[in-house]
Amino acid sequence: MVHLDSLYRVALRLTGNPAEADDLVQETMLKAYRAWHQYEKGTNAKGWLLTILRHAFINEYRRRTRHPETVDLDAIEPFSVFEELQDDDPQGTFFDRIVDDEVLRAIDELPEQFRETVVLSDVEGLSYEEIARVLEVPVGTVKSRLFRARRMLQGKLYDYAVGMGYIKGNAT
């Protein structure tokens, strides 16, 4: 499917968990299949699918807040950074993951309405109008959220960028 990668990236940003992202994409595709008769040919299929994905995420979030799950701590496997980084270029992989992780962590820490908007714009490349349709908000709200989200990200990542030498300046 053409838009499957985009759906997965957005689902992963929303859920923060690969298994949950897979489930969310699967649920989205099932709902899209069931509602195919409602899709208007010639309109933005990616936007339509992202709207379904967002609604499925919201519904699942509401369900989970009403019925929280318990976790057996003994069932959780210990995590080893060394095992995770085993490959032919551990230093390169480690560096790539730190850079990516720092940016992704900053995005993940944004409030949901800003995180959704940034992911749809800066990761998925949707236009303001497409984002407005997916999020069911006016275009002006999309622009405002993007401006505020980018300022939040700038604040969160400034010291990191100075420390890594990406920009000149003084860490705060």
N, C-alpha and C. Protein backbone atom coordinates (compact mmCIF):
# COMPACT_ATOMS: atom_id res chain seq x y z
N MET A 1 0.85 -1.19 0.00
CA MET A 1 0.00 0.00 0.00
C MET A 1 0.88 1.24 0.00
N VAL A 2 0.50 2.19 -0.78
CA VAL A 2 1.30 3.39 -0.99
C VAL A 2 1.55 4.19 0.29
N HIS A 3 0.56 4.36 1.13
CA HIS A 3 0.67 5.24 2.30
C HIS A 3 0.98 4.50 3.60
N LEU A 4 1.29 3.23 3.52
CA LEU A 4 1.50 2.43 4.72
C LEU A 4 2.67 2.95 5.55
N ASP A 5 3.78 3.32 4.92
CA ASP A 5 4.93 3.84 5.66
C ASP A 5 4.59 5.13 6.39
N SER A 6 3.86 6.01 5.73
CA SER A 6 3.45 7.27 6.37
C SER A 6 2.54 7.00 7.56
N LEU A 7 1.60 6.10 7.37
CA LEU A 7 0.69 5.76 8.47
C LEU A 7 1.48 5.21 9.66
N TYR A 8 2.44 4.35 9.38
CA TYR A 8 3.22 3.76 10.47
C TYR A 8 4.04 4.82 11.19
N ARG A 9 4.68 5.73 10.45
CA ARG A 9 5.49 6.78 11.09
C ARG A 9 4.64 7.64 12.00
N VAL A 10 3.46 8.03 11.54
CA VAL A 10 2.58 8.85 12.37
C VAL A 10 2.10 8.03 13.57
N ALA A 11 1.72 6.79 13.34
CA ALA A 11 1.26 5.93 14.44
C ALA A 11 2.35 5.75 15.49
N LEU A 12 3.58 5.59 15.05
CA LEU A 12 4.69 5.43 15.98
C LEU A 12 4.92 6.69 16.80
N ARG A 13 4.79 7.84 16.17
CA ARG A 13 4.94 9.11 16.90
C ARG A 13 3.81 9.28 17.91
N LEU A 14 2.62 8.85 17.55
CA LEU A 14 1.48 8.99 18.46
C LEU A 14 1.57 8.02 19.63
N THR A 15 1.92 6.77 19.35
CA THR A 15 1.91 5.75 20.39
C THR A 15 3.23 5.63 21.14
N GLY A 16 4.33 5.88 20.44
CA GLY A 16 5.64 5.72 21.06
C GLY A 16 6.05 4.27 21.24
N ASN A 17 5.34 3.35 20.58
CA ASN A 17 5.58 1.93 20.76
C ASN A 17 5.37 1.22 19.42
N PRO A 18 6.39 0.51 18.90
CA PRO A 18 6.25 -0.14 17.59
C PRO A 18 5.09 -1.14 17.50
N ALA A 19 4.89 -1.93 18.54
CA ALA A 19 3.79 -2.91 18.51
C ALA A 19 2.44 -2.21 18.48
N GLU A 20 2.30 -1.16 19.29
CA GLU A 20 1.04 -0.41 19.30
C GLU A 20 0.85 0.33 17.98
N ALA A 21 1.93 0.80 17.39
CA ALA A 21 1.84 1.47 16.09
C ALA A 21 1.36 0.49 15.02
N ASP A 22 1.90 -0.74 15.05
CA ASP A 22 1.44 -1.77 14.11
C ASP A 22 -0.05 -2.03 14.27
N ASP A 23 -0.49 -2.16 15.53
CA ASP A 23 -1.91 -2.40 15.80
C ASP A 23 -2.77 -1.24 15.32
N LEU A 24 -2.29 -0.02 15.54
CA LEU A 24 -3.04 1.17 15.13
C LEU A 24 -3.16 1.24 13.61
N VAL A 25 -2.09 0.93 12.90
CA VAL A 25 -2.13 0.93 11.43
C VAL A 25 -3.08 -0.16 10.93
N GLN A 26 -3.01 -1.32 11.55
CA GLN A 26 -3.91 -2.41 11.16
C GLN A 26 -5.37 -2.02 11.39
N GLU A 27 -5.65 -1.42 12.53
CA GLU A 27 -7.01 -0.96 12.83
C GLU A 27 -7.45 0.10 11.81
N THR A 28 -6.54 0.99 11.46
CA THR A 28 -6.83 2.04 10.47
C THR A 28 -7.19 1.43 9.13
N MET A 29 -6.39 0.48 8.68
CA MET A 29 -6.64 -0.14 7.38
C MET A 29 -7.96 -0.91 7.38
N LEU A 30 -8.27 -1.56 8.47
CA LEU A 30 -9.54 -2.28 8.58
C LEU A 30 -10.72 -1.31 8.50
N LYS A 31 -10.62 -0.21 9.24
CA LYS A 31 -11.68 0.80 9.21
C LYS A 31 -11.80 1.44 7.83
N ALA A 32 -10.66 1.68 7.19
CA ALA A 32 -10.69 2.27 5.85
C ALA A 32 -11.34 1.32 4.86
N TYR A 33 -11.04 0.05 4.98
CA TYR A 33 -11.65 -0.96 4.10
C TYR A 33 -13.17 -0.98 4.28
N ARG A 34 -13.59 -0.94 5.54
CA ARG A 34 -15.03 -0.96 5.83
C ARG A 34 -15.73 0.31 5.36
N ALA A 35 -15.00 1.41 5.34
CA ALA A 35 -15.61 2.70 4.97
C ALA A 35 -15.23 3.13 3.55
N TRP A 36 -14.71 2.21 2.76
CA TRP A 36 -14.24 2.55 1.42
C TRP A 36 -15.32 3.25 0.59
N HIS A 37 -16.56 2.86 0.77
CA HIS A 37 -17.66 3.46 0.01
C HIS A 37 -17.83 4.95 0.34
N GLN A 38 -17.27 5.41 1.46
CA GLN A 38 -17.38 6.82 1.85
C GLN A 38 -16.24 7.67 1.28
N TYR A 39 -15.20 7.02 0.78
CA TYR A 39 -14.07 7.76 0.23
C TYR A 39 -14.48 8.39 -1.10
N GLU A 40 -14.17 9.67 -1.26
CA GLU A 40 -14.49 10.38 -2.49
C GLU A 40 -13.28 10.34 -3.42
N LYS A 41 -13.45 9.69 -4.57
CA LYS A 41 -12.35 9.61 -5.54
C LYS A 41 -11.88 11.00 -5.92
N GLY A 42 -10.58 11.13 -6.09
CA GLY A 42 -10.01 12.41 -6.46
C GLY A 42 -9.60 13.25 -5.26
N THR A 43 -9.98 12.83 -4.05
CA THR A 43 -9.56 13.57 -2.86
C THR A 43 -8.27 12.94 -2.33
N ASN A 44 -7.71 13.54 -1.31
CA ASN A 44 -6.43 13.12 -0.75
C ASN A 44 -6.59 11.84 0.07
N ALA A 45 -6.18 10.71 -0.50
CA ALA A 45 -6.31 9.42 0.19
C ALA A 45 -5.46 9.39 1.45
N LYS A 46 -4.26 9.96 1.38
CA LYS A 46 -3.38 9.96 2.56
C LYS A 46 -4.02 10.73 3.71
N GLY A 47 -4.59 11.87 3.41
CA GLY A 47 -5.28 12.66 4.43
C GLY A 47 -6.46 11.92 5.02
N TRP A 48 -7.22 11.23 4.17
CA TRP A 48 -8.37 10.44 4.62
C TRP A 48 -7.90 9.33 5.57
N LEU A 49 -6.84 8.63 5.19
CA LEU A 49 -6.31 7.55 6.03
C LEU A 49 -5.75 8.09 7.35
N LEU A 50 -5.08 9.24 7.30
CA LEU A 50 -4.54 9.82 8.53
C LEU A 50 -5.65 10.27 9.48
N THR A 51 -6.76 10.73 8.92
CA THR A 51 -7.90 11.10 9.75
C THR A 51 -8.45 9.86 10.46
N ILE A 52 -8.58 8.77 9.73
CA ILE A 52 -9.05 7.52 10.33
C ILE A 52 -8.08 7.07 11.41
N LEU A 53 -6.78 7.15 11.13
CA LEU A 53 -5.76 6.76 12.11
C LEU A 53 -5.87 7.59 13.37
N ARG A 54 -6.02 8.88 13.21
CA ARG A 54 -6.12 9.77 14.38
C ARG A 54 -7.34 9.44 15.22
N HIS A 55 -8.47 9.21 14.57
CA HIS A 55 -9.68 8.86 15.32
C HIS A 55 -9.52 7.52 16.03
N ALA A 56 -8.88 6.57 15.38
CA ALA A 56 -8.65 5.26 16.01
C ALA A 56 -7.74 5.42 17.23
N PHE A 57 -6.72 6.28 17.11
CA PHE A 57 -5.82 6.53 18.24
C PHE A 57 -6.58 7.16 19.40
N ILE A 58 -7.38 8.15 19.12
CA ILE A 58 -8.14 8.83 20.18
C ILE A 58 -9.09 7.85 20.86
N ASN A 59 -9.78 7.03 20.07
CA ASN A 59 -10.70 6.05 20.66
C ASN A 59 -9.96 5.06 21.55
N GLU A 60 -8.79 4.59 21.11
CA GLU A 60 -8.00 3.65 21.91
C GLU A 60 -7.48 4.32 23.18
N TYR A 61 -7.07 5.57 23.08
CA TYR A 61 -6.59 6.31 24.25
C TYR A 61 -7.71 6.45 25.28
N ARG A 62 -8.89 6.78 24.81
CA ARG A 62 -10.04 6.90 25.73
C ARG A 62 -10.34 5.57 26.40
N ARG A 63 -10.29 4.48 25.62
CA ARG A 63 -10.56 3.16 26.18
C ARG A 63 -9.54 2.81 27.25
N ARG A 64 -8.29 3.11 26.99
CA ARG A 64 -7.23 2.76 27.95
C ARG A 64 -7.30 3.59 29.22
N THR A 65 -7.73 4.83 29.11
CA THR A 65 -7.82 5.64 30.32
C THR A 65 -8.99 5.19 31.18
N ARG A 66 -9.98 4.57 30.57
CA ARG A 66 -11.11 4.03 31.35
C ARG A 66 -10.76 2.68 31.96
N HIS A 67 -9.90 1.91 31.28
CA HIS A 67 -9.53 0.55 31.72
C HIS A 67 -8.02 0.39 31.67
N PRO A 68 -7.28 0.98 32.62
CA PRO A 68 -5.82 0.86 32.58
C PRO A 68 -5.37 -0.59 32.76
N GLU A 69 -4.27 -0.92 32.06
CA GLU A 69 -3.72 -2.27 32.15
C GLU A 69 -2.67 -2.33 33.24
N THR A 70 -2.52 -3.51 33.87
CA THR A 70 -1.47 -3.71 34.84
C THR A 70 -0.33 -4.47 34.17
N VAL A 71 0.86 -4.26 34.66
CA VAL A 71 2.04 -4.90 34.07
C VAL A 71 2.74 -5.71 35.15
N ASP A 72 3.13 -6.94 34.80
CA ASP A 72 3.90 -7.80 35.69
C ASP A 72 5.37 -7.46 35.49
N LEU A 73 5.99 -6.82 36.48
CA LEU A 73 7.38 -6.38 36.34
C LEU A 73 8.34 -7.55 36.16
N ASP A 74 8.00 -8.73 36.67
CA ASP A 74 8.86 -9.90 36.51
C ASP A 74 8.88 -10.38 35.06
N ALA A 75 7.86 -10.03 34.29
CA ALA A 75 7.77 -10.49 32.90
C ALA A 75 8.57 -9.62 31.94
N ILE A 76 9.02 -8.47 32.41
CA ILE A 76 9.77 -7.55 31.55
C ILE A 76 11.22 -8.01 31.48
N GLU A 77 11.71 -8.14 30.24
CA GLU A 77 13.10 -8.57 30.05
C GLU A 77 14.03 -7.38 30.28
N PRO A 78 15.19 -7.63 30.91
CA PRO A 78 16.14 -6.53 31.09
C PRO A 78 16.66 -6.06 29.74
N PHE A 79 16.92 -4.77 29.66
CA PHE A 79 17.39 -4.16 28.41
C PHE A 79 18.89 -3.93 28.49
N SER A 80 19.60 -4.31 27.47
CA SER A 80 21.04 -4.12 27.43
C SER A 80 21.39 -3.21 26.26
N VAL A 81 21.97 -2.06 26.58
CA VAL A 81 22.39 -1.14 25.53
C VAL A 81 23.44 -1.79 24.65
N PHE A 82 24.35 -2.56 25.25
CA PHE A 82 25.40 -3.21 24.48
C PHE A 82 24.80 -4.14 23.43
N GLU A 83 23.83 -4.96 23.82
CA GLU A 83 23.21 -5.88 22.87
C GLU A 83 22.48 -5.13 21.77
N GLU A 84 21.87 -4.04 22.13
CA GLU A 84 21.12 -3.25 21.16
C GLU A 84 22.03 -2.65 20.10
N LEU A 85 23.26 -2.35 20.45
CA LEU A 85 24.16 -1.65 19.53
C LEU A 85 25.11 -2.57 18.78
N GLN A 86 24.97 -3.86 18.91
CA GLN A 86 25.86 -4.79 18.22
C GLN A 86 25.62 -4.73 16.71
N ASP A 87 26.60 -4.24 16.00
CA ASP A 87 26.58 -4.25 14.54
C ASP A 87 27.98 -3.96 14.04
N ASP A 88 28.14 -3.74 12.74
CA ASP A 88 29.47 -3.52 12.16
C ASP A 88 30.04 -2.15 12.50
N ASP A 89 29.20 -1.20 12.82
CA ASP A 89 29.66 0.17 13.09
C ASP A 89 28.99 0.68 14.36
N PRO A 90 29.37 0.17 15.53
CA PRO A 90 28.66 0.56 16.75
C PRO A 90 28.76 2.04 17.06
N GLN A 91 29.92 2.69 16.76
CA GLN A 91 30.02 4.11 17.06
C GLN A 91 29.09 4.93 16.18
N GLY A 92 29.04 4.60 14.88
CA GLY A 92 28.16 5.32 13.97
C GLY A 92 26.70 5.12 14.33
N THR A 93 26.33 3.90 14.62
CA THR A 93 24.95 3.60 15.01
C THR A 93 24.60 4.33 16.29
N PHE A 94 25.51 4.29 17.26
CA PHE A 94 25.25 4.95 18.54
C PHE A 94 25.06 6.45 18.33
N PHE A 95 25.93 7.07 17.52
CA PHE A 95 25.82 8.50 17.25
C PHE A 95 24.49 8.82 16.57
N ASP A 96 24.15 8.03 15.54
CA ASP A 96 22.89 8.25 14.82
C ASP A 96 21.70 8.15 15.76
N ARG A 97 21.73 7.17 16.64
CA ARG A 97 20.60 6.97 17.55
C ARG A 97 20.51 8.09 18.58
N ILE A 98 21.65 8.58 19.05
CA ILE A 98 21.62 9.67 20.02
C ILE A 98 21.02 10.91 19.37
N VAL A 99 21.50 11.24 18.16
CA VAL A 99 20.98 12.42 17.47
C VAL A 99 19.48 12.25 17.23
N ASP A 100 19.11 11.14 16.65
CA ASP A 100 17.70 10.90 16.37
C ASP A 100 16.89 10.86 17.66
N ASP A 101 17.40 10.17 18.66
CA ASP A 101 16.66 10.02 19.91
C ASP A 101 16.43 11.36 20.58
N GLU A 102 17.41 12.25 20.55
CA GLU A 102 17.27 13.55 21.19
C GLU A 102 16.16 14.36 20.52
N VAL A 103 16.15 14.37 19.20
CA VAL A 103 15.11 15.10 18.46
C VAL A 103 13.75 14.43 18.67
N LEU A 104 13.72 13.10 18.55
CA LEU A 104 12.46 12.38 18.72
C LEU A 104 11.93 12.54 20.14
N ARG A 105 12.82 12.54 21.12
CA ARG A 105 12.39 12.72 22.51
C ARG A 105 11.75 14.10 22.67
N ALA A 106 12.37 15.11 22.06
CA ALA A 106 11.81 16.46 22.15
C ALA A 106 10.44 16.52 21.50
N ILE A 107 10.27 15.86 20.36
CA ILE A 107 8.96 15.82 19.71
C ILE A 107 7.96 15.08 20.58
N ASP A 108 8.38 13.95 21.14
CA ASP A 108 7.49 13.15 21.99
C ASP A 108 7.05 13.89 23.24
N GLU A 109 7.87 14.83 23.72
CA GLU A 109 7.54 15.58 24.93
C GLU A 109 6.56 16.73 24.66
N LEU A 110 6.33 17.04 23.40
CA LEU A 110 5.37 18.09 23.07
C LEU A 110 3.96 17.65 23.47
N PRO A 111 3.12 18.60 23.87
CA PRO A 111 1.71 18.25 24.10
C PRO A 111 1.12 17.66 22.81
N GLU A 112 0.16 16.77 22.95
CA GLU A 112 -0.35 16.00 21.82
C GLU A 112 -0.76 16.84 20.62
N GLN A 113 -1.49 17.94 20.85
CA GLN A 113 -1.97 18.73 19.71
C GLN A 113 -0.80 19.32 18.91
N PHE A 114 0.29 19.66 19.58
CA PHE A 114 1.45 20.20 18.88
C PHE A 114 2.25 19.08 18.22
N ARG A 115 2.38 17.96 18.92
CA ARG A 115 3.12 16.81 18.37
C ARG A 115 2.47 16.32 17.08
N GLU A 116 1.14 16.18 17.09
CA GLU A 116 0.42 15.75 15.88
C GLU A 116 0.71 16.68 14.71
N THR A 117 0.62 17.97 14.98
CA THR A 117 0.79 18.96 13.93
C THR A 117 2.20 18.94 13.36
N VAL A 118 3.21 18.86 14.22
CA VAL A 118 4.60 18.81 13.76
C VAL A 118 4.87 17.55 12.95
N VAL A 119 4.38 16.42 13.43
CA VAL A 119 4.61 15.16 12.71
C VAL A 119 3.97 15.22 11.33
N LEU A 120 2.73 15.68 11.25
CA LEU A 120 2.05 15.74 9.96
C LEU A 120 2.72 16.72 9.00
N SER A 121 3.24 17.83 9.54
CA SER A 121 3.88 18.83 8.68
C SER A 121 5.33 18.48 8.36
N ASP A 122 6.13 18.35 9.40
CA ASP A 122 7.58 18.26 9.20
C ASP A 122 8.08 16.84 8.92
N VAL A 123 7.34 15.84 9.35
CA VAL A 123 7.75 14.46 9.07
C VAL A 123 7.04 13.94 7.82
N GLU A 124 5.73 14.16 7.74
CA GLU A 124 4.96 13.62 6.63
C GLU A 124 4.82 14.57 5.45
N GLY A 125 5.12 15.85 5.65
CA GLY A 125 5.11 16.79 4.54
C GLY A 125 3.73 17.22 4.06
N LEU A 126 2.72 17.12 4.91
CA LEU A 126 1.38 17.54 4.51
C LEU A 126 1.30 19.07 4.49
N SER A 127 0.44 19.60 3.64
CA SER A 127 0.22 21.04 3.56
C SER A 127 -0.64 21.48 4.75
N TYR A 128 -0.70 22.80 4.97
CA TYR A 128 -1.54 23.32 6.04
C TYR A 128 -2.99 22.87 5.87
N GLU A 129 -3.47 22.93 4.64
CA GLU A 129 -4.86 22.56 4.36
C GLU A 129 -5.10 21.08 4.65
N GLU A 130 -4.16 20.23 4.26
CA GLU A 130 -4.31 18.79 4.52
C GLU A 130 -4.29 18.50 6.01
N ILE A 131 -3.40 19.17 6.73
CA ILE A 131 -3.33 18.98 8.19
C ILE A 131 -4.63 19.44 8.83
N ALA A 132 -5.16 20.56 8.37
CA ALA A 132 -6.42 21.08 8.91
C ALA A 132 -7.55 20.06 8.73
N ARG A 133 -7.59 19.41 7.57
CA ARG A 133 -8.63 18.40 7.34
C ARG A 133 -8.43 17.18 8.24
N VAL A 134 -7.19 16.72 8.36
CA VAL A 134 -6.91 15.55 9.19
C VAL A 134 -7.25 15.82 10.66
N LEU A 135 -6.84 16.99 11.16
CA LEU A 135 -7.06 17.32 12.57
C LEU A 135 -8.42 17.95 12.84
N GLU A 136 -9.13 18.26 11.75
CA GLU A 136 -10.46 18.88 11.86
C GLU A 136 -10.41 20.20 12.63
N VAL A 137 -9.46 21.06 12.22
CA VAL A 137 -9.31 22.39 12.79
C VAL A 137 -9.10 23.38 11.65
N PRO A 138 -9.30 24.68 11.90
CA PRO A 138 -9.04 25.68 10.86
C PRO A 138 -7.55 25.75 10.50
N VAL A 139 -7.27 26.22 9.29
CA VAL A 139 -5.89 26.36 8.82
C VAL A 139 -5.10 27.28 9.75
N GLY A 140 -5.73 28.34 10.22
CA GLY A 140 -5.06 29.26 11.15
C GLY A 140 -4.59 28.56 12.42
N THR A 141 -5.38 27.62 12.89
CA THR A 141 -5.00 26.85 14.08
C THR A 141 -3.78 25.98 13.79
N VAL A 142 -3.74 25.41 12.59
CA VAL A 142 -2.58 24.60 12.19
C VAL A 142 -1.32 25.47 12.20
N LYS A 143 -1.40 26.65 11.60
CA LYS A 143 -0.24 27.54 11.54
C LYS A 143 0.20 27.96 12.94
N SER A 144 -0.76 28.28 13.79
CA SER A 144 -0.45 28.68 15.16
C SER A 144 0.21 27.54 15.93
N ARG A 145 -0.34 26.34 15.80
CA ARG A 145 0.23 25.18 16.50
C ARG A 145 1.63 24.88 16.01
N LEU A 146 1.84 24.99 14.70
CA LEU A 146 3.18 24.74 14.16
C LEU A 146 4.18 25.76 14.68
N PHE A 147 3.79 27.01 14.70
CA PHE A 147 4.67 28.06 15.20
C PHE A 147 5.04 27.79 16.65
N ARG A 148 4.04 27.50 17.47
CA ARG A 148 4.28 27.26 18.89
C ARG A 148 5.08 25.98 19.11
N ALA A 149 4.78 24.94 18.36
CA ALA A 149 5.50 23.67 18.50
C ALA A 149 6.97 23.84 18.13
N ARG A 150 7.22 24.55 17.06
CA ARG A 150 8.61 24.75 16.63
C ARG A 150 9.38 25.60 17.63
N ARG A 151 8.72 26.55 18.25
CA ARG A 151 9.38 27.34 19.30
C ARG A 151 9.69 26.47 20.51
N MET A 152 8.76 25.58 20.86
CA MET A 152 9.02 24.66 21.97
C MET A 152 10.20 23.75 21.65
N LEU A 153 10.23 23.23 20.42
CA LEU A 153 11.33 22.36 20.01
C LEU A 153 12.66 23.12 20.02
N GLN A 154 12.62 24.35 19.55
CA GLN A 154 13.82 25.17 19.55
C GLN A 154 14.34 25.33 20.98
N GLY A 155 13.44 25.60 21.90
CA GLY A 155 13.84 25.74 23.30
C GLY A 155 14.40 24.45 23.88
N LYS A 156 13.78 23.33 23.54
CA LYS A 156 14.22 22.04 24.06
C LYS A 156 15.55 21.60 23.46
N LEU A 157 15.79 21.95 22.21
CA LEU A 157 16.97 21.43 21.50
C LEU A 157 18.12 22.43 21.41
N TYR A 158 17.94 23.65 21.89
CA TYR A 158 18.99 24.67 21.76
C TYR A 158 20.29 24.23 22.43
N ASP A 159 20.23 23.87 23.71
CA ASP A 159 21.44 23.47 24.43
C ASP A 159 22.09 22.25 23.78
N TYR A 160 21.26 21.34 23.32
CA TYR A 160 21.77 20.14 22.65
C TYR A 160 22.53 20.53 21.38
N ALA A 161 21.95 21.42 20.58
CA ALA A 161 22.57 21.84 19.32
C ALA A 161 23.89 22.58 19.58
N VAL A 162 23.93 23.43 20.62
CA VAL A 162 25.16 24.14 20.97
C VAL A 162 26.20 23.13 21.44
N GLY A 163 25.80 22.23 22.31
CA GLY A 163 26.72 21.22 22.85
C GLY A 163 27.30 20.32 21.77
N MET A 164 26.52 20.02 20.75
CA MET A 164 26.99 19.15 19.67
C MET A 164 27.75 19.94 18.60
N GLY A 165 27.77 21.29 18.72
CA GLY A 165 28.49 22.10 17.75
C GLY A 165 27.71 22.37 16.47
N TYR A 166 26.41 22.10 16.47
CA TYR A 166 25.60 22.35 15.27
C TYR A 166 25.36 23.84 15.07
N ILE A 167 25.30 24.59 16.18
CA ILE A 167 25.13 26.04 16.10
C ILE A 167 26.10 26.68 17.09
N LYS A 168 26.42 27.94 16.83
CA LYS A 168 27.28 28.68 17.76
C LYS A 168 26.38 29.37 18.76
N GLY A 169 26.82 29.40 19.96
CA GLY A 169 26.04 30.06 20.99
C GLY A 169 26.50 29.57 22.35
N ASN A 170 25.82 30.05 23.35
CA ASN A 170 26.13 29.66 24.73
C ASN A 170 24.99 28.83 25.28
N ALA A 171 25.34 27.70 25.83
CA ALA A 171 24.32 26.85 26.46
C ALA A 171 23.76 27.60 27.66
N THR A 172 22.47 27.43 27.87
CA THR A 172 21.83 28.13 28.99
C THR A 172 21.97 27.36 30.27
